[in-house]
């Protein structure tokens, strides 16, 4: 077995800064959504995905890919969103194993109400600390990292708990 490619001092600093920053930003966003909208970030992401879909509806498999969720985790989240009256679920008429999730009017109203506070927290936690050029570079870097990391782990297939 070959020797691991250990991180250089610069790589180690970058890695630790990435971990710390993403954890702090994620925790801030989740706290804000829980406090102001009564939902975790994962539910907000589902509502956003459905609001952006044609007719406010997506196949569960498409929704799992969009949110990078396992099927079981997504199914649990959709069940909670159904209990809140924010989403409905229906079987696919052409594929008995398939299902659709649809955003309800109440779900859209909840999203519209939650969005201003969420956007404000995204700005406060991340974007306001950066110049416009840094925002553009961060977007490019994170897109590259996301594509590279996803190459070894297709959406919703690596974590099926």
N, C-alpha and C. Protein backbone atom coordinates (compact mmCIF):
# COMPACT_ATOMS: atom_id res chain seq x y z
N UNK A 1 0.86 -1.18 0.00
CA UNK A 1 0.00 0.00 0.00
C UNK A 1 0.90 1.23 0.00
N UNK A 2 0.51 2.23 -0.82
CA UNK A 2 1.34 3.44 -0.92
C UNK A 2 1.05 4.39 0.23
N UNK A 3 1.99 5.26 0.48
CA UNK A 3 1.88 6.27 1.53
C UNK A 3 0.78 7.27 1.17
N UNK A 4 -0.05 7.67 2.14
CA UNK A 4 -1.09 8.67 1.85
C UNK A 4 -0.46 9.99 1.41
N UNK A 5 -1.20 10.73 0.59
CA UNK A 5 -0.77 12.08 0.19
C UNK A 5 -1.24 13.04 1.26
N UNK A 6 -0.42 13.27 2.27
CA UNK A 6 -0.80 14.12 3.40
C UNK A 6 -1.02 15.55 2.94
N UNK A 7 -1.83 16.26 3.67
CA UNK A 7 -2.10 17.66 3.35
C UNK A 7 -0.91 18.53 3.71
N UNK A 8 -0.65 19.49 2.84
CA UNK A 8 0.37 20.48 3.16
C UNK A 8 -0.19 21.42 4.23
N UNK A 9 0.64 22.27 4.77
CA UNK A 9 0.18 23.23 5.78
C UNK A 9 -0.92 24.13 5.20
N UNK A 10 -0.73 24.61 3.97
CA UNK A 10 -1.76 25.45 3.33
C UNK A 10 -3.05 24.67 3.09
N UNK A 11 -2.93 23.43 2.63
CA UNK A 11 -4.12 22.60 2.39
C UNK A 11 -4.85 22.32 3.70
N UNK A 12 -4.09 22.06 4.76
CA UNK A 12 -4.70 21.81 6.07
C UNK A 12 -5.45 23.04 6.58
N UNK A 13 -4.87 24.22 6.43
CA UNK A 13 -5.55 25.47 6.83
C UNK A 13 -6.82 25.67 6.01
N UNK A 14 -6.72 25.43 4.71
CA UNK A 14 -7.89 25.58 3.83
C UNK A 14 -8.99 24.60 4.22
N UNK A 15 -8.62 23.35 4.44
CA UNK A 15 -9.59 22.32 4.81
C UNK A 15 -10.29 22.68 6.11
N UNK A 16 -9.54 23.07 7.10
CA UNK A 16 -10.13 23.41 8.40
C UNK A 16 -10.98 24.67 8.32
N UNK A 17 -10.56 25.63 7.53
CA UNK A 17 -11.36 26.85 7.36
C UNK A 17 -12.67 26.52 6.66
N UNK A 18 -12.61 25.66 5.65
CA UNK A 18 -13.81 25.22 4.95
C UNK A 18 -14.78 24.53 5.91
N UNK A 19 -14.27 23.57 6.69
CA UNK A 19 -15.12 22.85 7.65
C UNK A 19 -15.77 23.80 8.65
N UNK A 20 -14.97 24.68 9.22
CA UNK A 20 -15.49 25.61 10.23
C UNK A 20 -16.53 26.55 9.62
N UNK A 21 -16.22 27.12 8.47
CA UNK A 21 -17.13 28.08 7.84
C UNK A 21 -18.44 27.43 7.43
N UNK A 22 -18.38 26.27 6.78
CA UNK A 22 -19.61 25.63 6.33
C UNK A 22 -20.47 25.20 7.52
N UNK A 23 -19.83 24.76 8.59
CA UNK A 23 -20.60 24.36 9.77
C UNK A 23 -21.29 25.57 10.40
N UNK A 24 -20.55 26.67 10.57
CA UNK A 24 -21.13 27.86 11.19
C UNK A 24 -22.26 28.43 10.33
N UNK A 25 -22.03 28.54 9.04
CA UNK A 25 -23.07 29.09 8.15
C UNK A 25 -24.30 28.18 8.16
N UNK A 26 -24.11 26.88 8.04
CA UNK A 26 -25.24 25.95 8.05
C UNK A 26 -26.02 26.03 9.36
N UNK A 27 -25.30 26.08 10.48
CA UNK A 27 -25.98 26.18 11.77
C UNK A 27 -26.76 27.47 11.90
N UNK A 28 -26.19 28.58 11.44
CA UNK A 28 -26.91 29.86 11.49
C UNK A 28 -28.18 29.82 10.67
N UNK A 29 -28.07 29.29 9.45
CA UNK A 29 -29.24 29.23 8.57
C UNK A 29 -30.31 28.31 9.15
N UNK A 30 -29.90 27.18 9.70
CA UNK A 30 -30.87 26.27 10.28
C UNK A 30 -31.55 26.89 11.50
N UNK A 31 -30.77 27.54 12.37
CA UNK A 31 -31.35 28.20 13.55
C UNK A 31 -32.37 29.26 13.14
N UNK A 32 -32.01 30.06 12.13
CA UNK A 32 -32.91 31.13 11.68
C UNK A 32 -34.21 30.55 11.15
N UNK A 33 -34.12 29.51 10.32
CA UNK A 33 -35.34 28.91 9.76
C UNK A 33 -36.19 28.25 10.85
N UNK A 34 -35.55 27.57 11.79
CA UNK A 34 -36.29 26.95 12.89
C UNK A 34 -37.00 28.03 13.71
N UNK A 35 -36.27 29.09 14.05
CA UNK A 35 -36.82 30.16 14.89
C UNK A 35 -37.94 30.92 14.18
N UNK A 36 -37.70 31.33 12.95
CA UNK A 36 -38.63 32.22 12.26
C UNK A 36 -39.71 31.52 11.44
N UNK A 37 -39.44 30.29 10.98
CA UNK A 37 -40.40 29.61 10.11
C UNK A 37 -40.82 28.24 10.64
N UNK A 38 -40.20 27.79 11.73
CA UNK A 38 -40.58 26.50 12.31
C UNK A 38 -40.24 25.31 11.46
N UNK A 39 -39.16 25.41 10.69
CA UNK A 39 -38.77 24.29 9.84
C UNK A 39 -37.25 24.21 9.73
N UNK A 40 -36.72 23.00 9.52
CA UNK A 40 -35.29 22.87 9.27
C UNK A 40 -34.96 23.25 7.82
N UNK A 41 -33.70 23.47 7.58
CA UNK A 41 -33.23 23.84 6.25
C UNK A 41 -33.65 22.81 5.19
N UNK A 42 -33.63 21.54 5.55
CA UNK A 42 -34.00 20.50 4.58
C UNK A 42 -35.43 20.69 4.07
N UNK A 43 -36.35 21.07 4.94
CA UNK A 43 -37.74 21.29 4.51
C UNK A 43 -37.83 22.52 3.62
N UNK A 44 -37.08 23.56 3.97
CA UNK A 44 -37.06 24.78 3.16
C UNK A 44 -36.56 24.45 1.75
N UNK A 45 -35.50 23.65 1.65
CA UNK A 45 -34.95 23.27 0.34
C UNK A 45 -35.97 22.51 -0.50
N UNK A 46 -36.75 21.65 0.14
CA UNK A 46 -37.79 20.91 -0.58
C UNK A 46 -38.85 21.88 -1.10
N UNK A 47 -39.30 22.79 -0.25
CA UNK A 47 -40.31 23.77 -0.68
C UNK A 47 -39.78 24.63 -1.83
N UNK A 48 -38.51 25.04 -1.76
CA UNK A 48 -37.91 25.83 -2.84
C UNK A 48 -37.91 25.02 -4.14
N UNK A 49 -37.45 23.78 -4.07
CA UNK A 49 -37.39 22.94 -5.28
C UNK A 49 -38.77 22.80 -5.91
N UNK A 50 -39.78 22.56 -5.09
CA UNK A 50 -41.14 22.41 -5.62
C UNK A 50 -41.66 23.72 -6.18
N UNK A 51 -41.32 24.83 -5.52
CA UNK A 51 -41.81 26.14 -6.01
C UNK A 51 -41.21 26.50 -7.36
N UNK A 52 -40.03 25.98 -7.65
CA UNK A 52 -39.36 26.28 -8.91
C UNK A 52 -39.71 25.29 -10.02
N UNK A 53 -40.41 24.21 -9.69
CA UNK A 53 -40.77 23.19 -10.67
C UNK A 53 -42.05 23.58 -11.40
N UNK A 54 -42.18 23.12 -12.63
CA UNK A 54 -43.41 23.34 -13.40
C UNK A 54 -44.59 22.78 -12.62
N UNK A 55 -45.58 23.60 -12.40
CA UNK A 55 -46.77 23.17 -11.69
C UNK A 55 -46.55 22.89 -10.21
N UNK A 56 -45.39 23.26 -9.69
CA UNK A 56 -45.10 23.03 -8.28
C UNK A 56 -44.99 21.56 -7.92
N UNK A 57 -44.63 20.73 -8.90
CA UNK A 57 -44.63 19.28 -8.70
C UNK A 57 -43.36 18.65 -9.25
N UNK A 58 -42.81 17.68 -8.52
CA UNK A 58 -41.65 16.91 -8.97
C UNK A 58 -41.84 15.44 -8.60
N UNK A 59 -41.27 14.58 -9.42
CA UNK A 59 -41.17 13.16 -9.03
C UNK A 59 -40.28 13.09 -7.81
N UNK A 60 -40.57 12.17 -6.93
CA UNK A 60 -39.78 12.03 -5.72
C UNK A 60 -38.31 11.77 -6.05
N UNK A 61 -38.04 11.02 -7.10
CA UNK A 61 -36.65 10.76 -7.48
C UNK A 61 -35.93 12.04 -7.91
N UNK A 62 -36.63 12.91 -8.62
CA UNK A 62 -36.04 14.20 -9.02
C UNK A 62 -35.81 15.09 -7.80
N UNK A 63 -36.75 15.07 -6.88
CA UNK A 63 -36.64 15.86 -5.66
C UNK A 63 -35.48 15.35 -4.80
N UNK A 64 -35.31 14.05 -4.74
CA UNK A 64 -34.18 13.47 -3.99
C UNK A 64 -32.85 13.92 -4.61
N UNK A 65 -32.78 13.91 -5.93
CA UNK A 65 -31.55 14.35 -6.60
C UNK A 65 -31.30 15.83 -6.35
N UNK A 66 -32.34 16.65 -6.43
CA UNK A 66 -32.19 18.10 -6.23
C UNK A 66 -31.71 18.41 -4.82
N UNK A 67 -32.27 17.72 -3.83
CA UNK A 67 -31.93 18.00 -2.43
C UNK A 67 -30.78 17.15 -1.92
N UNK A 68 -30.27 16.26 -2.76
CA UNK A 68 -29.17 15.36 -2.37
C UNK A 68 -29.57 14.55 -1.14
N UNK A 69 -30.80 14.05 -1.13
CA UNK A 69 -31.33 13.27 -0.02
C UNK A 69 -31.50 11.82 -0.41
N UNK A 70 -31.37 10.94 0.57
CA UNK A 70 -31.71 9.55 0.32
C UNK A 70 -33.23 9.45 0.17
N UNK A 71 -33.67 8.37 -0.44
CA UNK A 71 -35.12 8.19 -0.63
C UNK A 71 -35.85 8.11 0.71
N UNK A 72 -35.26 7.41 1.67
CA UNK A 72 -35.95 7.28 2.96
C UNK A 72 -35.97 8.60 3.72
N UNK A 73 -34.89 9.36 3.67
CA UNK A 73 -34.87 10.66 4.35
C UNK A 73 -35.87 11.61 3.70
N UNK A 74 -35.92 11.60 2.37
CA UNK A 74 -36.87 12.46 1.67
C UNK A 74 -38.31 12.04 1.97
N UNK A 75 -38.57 10.76 1.98
CA UNK A 75 -39.91 10.27 2.27
C UNK A 75 -40.37 10.71 3.66
N UNK A 76 -39.47 10.65 4.63
CA UNK A 76 -39.80 11.10 5.99
C UNK A 76 -40.10 12.60 5.99
N UNK A 77 -39.27 13.38 5.30
CA UNK A 77 -39.48 14.84 5.24
C UNK A 77 -40.81 15.16 4.56
N UNK A 78 -41.11 14.48 3.47
CA UNK A 78 -42.37 14.72 2.75
C UNK A 78 -43.56 14.38 3.65
N UNK A 79 -43.44 13.32 4.42
CA UNK A 79 -44.52 12.96 5.35
C UNK A 79 -44.77 14.10 6.35
N UNK A 80 -43.71 14.70 6.87
CA UNK A 80 -43.86 15.82 7.81
C UNK A 80 -44.46 17.04 7.10
N UNK A 81 -44.00 17.30 5.88
CA UNK A 81 -44.54 18.43 5.12
C UNK A 81 -46.01 18.21 4.79
N UNK A 82 -46.40 16.95 4.54
CA UNK A 82 -47.82 16.63 4.33
C UNK A 82 -48.62 16.90 5.60
N UNK A 83 -48.09 16.51 6.75
CA UNK A 83 -48.77 16.75 8.03
C UNK A 83 -49.01 18.25 8.24
N UNK A 84 -48.05 19.07 7.80
CA UNK A 84 -48.18 20.52 7.93
C UNK A 84 -49.12 21.13 6.89
N UNK A 85 -49.51 20.32 5.90
CA UNK A 85 -50.37 20.82 4.83
C UNK A 85 -49.62 21.60 3.77
N UNK A 86 -48.30 21.46 3.72
CA UNK A 86 -47.47 22.22 2.78
C UNK A 86 -47.21 21.48 1.48
N UNK A 87 -47.39 20.16 1.48
CA UNK A 87 -47.10 19.32 0.32
C UNK A 87 -48.14 18.20 0.27
N UNK A 88 -48.46 17.76 -0.93
CA UNK A 88 -49.24 16.53 -1.09
C UNK A 88 -48.39 15.55 -1.89
N UNK A 89 -48.72 14.28 -1.74
CA UNK A 89 -48.00 13.24 -2.47
C UNK A 89 -49.03 12.39 -3.19
N UNK A 90 -48.69 12.01 -4.42
CA UNK A 90 -49.60 11.14 -5.18
C UNK A 90 -48.78 10.13 -5.95
N UNK A 91 -49.38 9.00 -6.21
CA UNK A 91 -48.72 7.95 -6.97
C UNK A 91 -48.62 8.34 -8.43
N UNK A 92 -47.62 7.83 -9.08
CA UNK A 92 -47.44 8.04 -10.52
C UNK A 92 -48.37 7.08 -11.26
N UNK A 93 -49.22 7.60 -12.14
CA UNK A 93 -50.17 6.72 -12.83
C UNK A 93 -49.51 5.75 -13.81
N UNK A 94 -48.32 6.07 -14.31
CA UNK A 94 -47.66 5.22 -15.30
C UNK A 94 -46.57 4.34 -14.71
N UNK A 95 -46.20 4.60 -13.46
CA UNK A 95 -45.13 3.82 -12.81
C UNK A 95 -45.54 3.61 -11.36
N UNK A 96 -45.99 2.43 -11.03
CA UNK A 96 -46.54 2.17 -9.69
C UNK A 96 -45.51 2.37 -8.58
N UNK A 97 -44.22 2.31 -8.91
CA UNK A 97 -43.20 2.55 -7.88
C UNK A 97 -42.91 4.04 -7.69
N UNK A 98 -43.32 4.85 -8.66
CA UNK A 98 -43.03 6.27 -8.62
C UNK A 98 -44.08 7.07 -7.87
N UNK A 99 -43.68 8.26 -7.42
CA UNK A 99 -44.61 9.16 -6.74
C UNK A 99 -44.20 10.59 -7.04
N UNK A 100 -45.18 11.48 -6.90
CA UNK A 100 -44.96 12.91 -7.10
C UNK A 100 -45.21 13.64 -5.78
N UNK A 101 -44.45 14.70 -5.56
CA UNK A 101 -44.70 15.62 -4.45
C UNK A 101 -45.14 16.94 -5.08
N UNK A 102 -46.20 17.53 -4.51
CA UNK A 102 -46.75 18.77 -5.04
C UNK A 102 -46.85 19.80 -3.93
N UNK A 103 -46.40 21.00 -4.23
CA UNK A 103 -46.48 22.12 -3.29
C UNK A 103 -47.93 22.61 -3.21
N UNK A 104 -48.44 22.76 -2.00
CA UNK A 104 -49.80 23.28 -1.81
C UNK A 104 -49.75 24.80 -1.71
N UNK A 105 -50.93 25.42 -1.75
CA UNK A 105 -51.00 26.88 -1.57
C UNK A 105 -50.45 27.26 -0.19
N UNK A 106 -50.76 26.46 0.82
CA UNK A 106 -50.25 26.74 2.17
C UNK A 106 -48.73 26.61 2.21
N UNK A 107 -48.20 25.63 1.47
CA UNK A 107 -46.74 25.46 1.40
C UNK A 107 -46.08 26.64 0.73
N UNK A 108 -46.68 27.12 -0.36
CA UNK A 108 -46.14 28.29 -1.05
C UNK A 108 -46.21 29.51 -0.16
N UNK A 109 -47.30 29.68 0.55
CA UNK A 109 -47.44 30.83 1.46
C UNK A 109 -46.39 30.77 2.57
N UNK A 110 -46.13 29.56 3.07
CA UNK A 110 -45.10 29.38 4.11
C UNK A 110 -43.73 29.74 3.56
N UNK A 111 -43.45 29.29 2.34
CA UNK A 111 -42.17 29.61 1.72
C UNK A 111 -42.02 31.10 1.49
N UNK A 112 -43.05 31.74 0.96
CA UNK A 112 -43.01 33.18 0.70
C UNK A 112 -42.79 33.95 2.00
N UNK A 113 -43.38 33.47 3.07
CA UNK A 113 -43.22 34.11 4.37
C UNK A 113 -41.81 33.90 4.93
N UNK A 114 -41.24 32.71 4.72
CA UNK A 114 -39.92 32.37 5.26
C UNK A 114 -38.77 32.96 4.46
N UNK A 115 -38.96 33.19 3.17
CA UNK A 115 -37.87 33.58 2.28
C UNK A 115 -37.16 34.88 2.67
N UNK A 116 -37.85 35.95 3.02
CA UNK A 116 -37.12 37.18 3.34
C UNK A 116 -36.14 37.02 4.52
N UNK A 117 -36.57 36.35 5.57
CA UNK A 117 -35.67 36.13 6.71
C UNK A 117 -34.50 35.24 6.34
N UNK A 118 -34.78 34.22 5.53
CA UNK A 118 -33.73 33.30 5.11
C UNK A 118 -32.69 34.02 4.25
N UNK A 119 -33.16 34.79 3.28
CA UNK A 119 -32.25 35.54 2.42
C UNK A 119 -31.42 36.52 3.25
N UNK A 120 -32.06 37.16 4.20
CA UNK A 120 -31.33 38.08 5.08
C UNK A 120 -30.23 37.38 5.85
N UNK A 121 -30.53 36.17 6.32
CA UNK A 121 -29.51 35.41 7.07
C UNK A 121 -28.40 34.91 6.15
N UNK A 122 -28.73 34.52 4.91
CA UNK A 122 -27.70 34.13 3.94
C UNK A 122 -26.75 35.30 3.70
N UNK A 123 -27.33 36.48 3.53
CA UNK A 123 -26.49 37.67 3.34
C UNK A 123 -25.63 37.93 4.57
N UNK A 124 -26.24 37.91 5.75
CA UNK A 124 -25.51 38.23 6.98
C UNK A 124 -24.43 37.20 7.29
N UNK A 125 -24.72 35.93 7.05
CA UNK A 125 -23.78 34.87 7.42
C UNK A 125 -22.68 34.64 6.39
N UNK A 126 -22.93 35.01 5.13
CA UNK A 126 -21.97 34.67 4.07
C UNK A 126 -21.67 35.82 3.12
N UNK A 127 -22.67 36.28 2.42
CA UNK A 127 -22.43 37.18 1.29
C UNK A 127 -21.93 38.57 1.68
N UNK A 128 -22.44 39.13 2.78
CA UNK A 128 -22.03 40.48 3.17
C UNK A 128 -20.55 40.57 3.55
N UNK A 129 -19.92 39.44 3.86
CA UNK A 129 -18.51 39.43 4.23
C UNK A 129 -17.59 39.46 3.00
N UNK A 130 -18.17 39.33 1.80
CA UNK A 130 -17.40 39.18 0.57
C UNK A 130 -17.63 40.34 -0.38
N UNK A 131 -16.63 40.59 -1.22
CA UNK A 131 -16.80 41.53 -2.32
C UNK A 131 -17.56 40.81 -3.43
N UNK A 132 -18.06 41.56 -4.40
CA UNK A 132 -18.77 40.95 -5.53
C UNK A 132 -17.86 39.98 -6.27
N UNK A 133 -16.59 40.31 -6.40
CA UNK A 133 -15.63 39.44 -7.07
C UNK A 133 -15.43 38.15 -6.27
N UNK A 134 -15.35 38.27 -4.94
CA UNK A 134 -15.20 37.08 -4.10
C UNK A 134 -16.44 36.19 -4.17
N UNK A 135 -17.62 36.80 -4.24
CA UNK A 135 -18.85 36.02 -4.37
C UNK A 135 -18.80 35.20 -5.66
N UNK A 136 -18.41 35.84 -6.75
CA UNK A 136 -18.31 35.15 -8.04
C UNK A 136 -17.30 34.01 -7.96
N UNK A 137 -16.13 34.28 -7.37
CA UNK A 137 -15.09 33.24 -7.25
C UNK A 137 -15.56 32.10 -6.35
N UNK A 138 -16.20 32.42 -5.24
CA UNK A 138 -16.69 31.38 -4.35
C UNK A 138 -17.71 30.50 -5.07
N UNK A 139 -18.59 31.11 -5.84
CA UNK A 139 -19.56 30.33 -6.62
C UNK A 139 -18.88 29.39 -7.59
N UNK A 140 -17.86 29.88 -8.29
CA UNK A 140 -17.13 29.05 -9.24
C UNK A 140 -16.41 27.91 -8.52
N UNK A 141 -15.76 28.22 -7.41
CA UNK A 141 -15.03 27.21 -6.65
C UNK A 141 -15.98 26.14 -6.13
N UNK A 142 -17.08 26.55 -5.53
CA UNK A 142 -18.00 25.58 -4.95
C UNK A 142 -18.67 24.74 -6.03
N UNK A 143 -18.94 25.31 -7.20
CA UNK A 143 -19.49 24.52 -8.31
C UNK A 143 -18.50 23.45 -8.74
N UNK A 144 -17.22 23.82 -8.83
CA UNK A 144 -16.18 22.86 -9.20
C UNK A 144 -16.06 21.76 -8.15
N UNK A 145 -16.03 22.15 -6.88
CA UNK A 145 -15.92 21.17 -5.79
C UNK A 145 -17.14 20.25 -5.81
N UNK A 146 -18.33 20.81 -5.96
CA UNK A 146 -19.54 19.99 -5.99
C UNK A 146 -19.54 18.99 -7.13
N UNK A 147 -19.14 19.42 -8.32
CA UNK A 147 -19.08 18.51 -9.46
C UNK A 147 -18.07 17.41 -9.24
N UNK A 148 -16.89 17.78 -8.73
CA UNK A 148 -15.82 16.80 -8.50
C UNK A 148 -16.24 15.79 -7.43
N UNK A 149 -16.78 16.28 -6.32
CA UNK A 149 -17.19 15.39 -5.23
C UNK A 149 -18.34 14.49 -5.66
N UNK A 150 -19.25 15.01 -6.48
CA UNK A 150 -20.41 14.23 -6.93
C UNK A 150 -20.03 13.12 -7.88
N UNK A 151 -18.89 13.26 -8.55
CA UNK A 151 -18.49 12.26 -9.54
C UNK A 151 -18.36 10.89 -8.90
N UNK A 152 -17.97 10.81 -7.64
CA UNK A 152 -17.82 9.53 -6.97
C UNK A 152 -19.04 9.13 -6.17
N UNK A 153 -20.08 9.96 -6.19
CA UNK A 153 -21.26 9.69 -5.37
C UNK A 153 -22.49 10.29 -6.04
N UNK A 154 -23.14 9.54 -6.94
CA UNK A 154 -24.33 10.09 -7.61
C UNK A 154 -25.39 10.52 -6.60
N UNK A 155 -26.17 11.50 -6.98
CA UNK A 155 -27.21 12.05 -6.11
C UNK A 155 -28.09 10.97 -5.52
N UNK A 156 -28.31 11.08 -4.23
CA UNK A 156 -29.24 10.26 -3.48
C UNK A 156 -28.92 8.77 -3.48
N UNK A 157 -27.70 8.37 -3.91
CA UNK A 157 -27.42 6.93 -3.91
C UNK A 157 -26.35 6.55 -2.89
N UNK A 158 -25.59 7.51 -2.37
CA UNK A 158 -24.52 7.17 -1.44
C UNK A 158 -25.02 7.01 -0.02
N UNK A 159 -26.08 7.67 0.32
CA UNK A 159 -26.59 7.64 1.69
C UNK A 159 -28.05 7.25 1.65
N UNK A 160 -28.33 5.98 1.79
CA UNK A 160 -29.71 5.51 1.68
C UNK A 160 -30.24 5.04 3.03
N UNK A 161 -30.08 5.91 4.06
CA UNK A 161 -30.60 5.51 5.38
C UNK A 161 -31.97 6.02 5.65
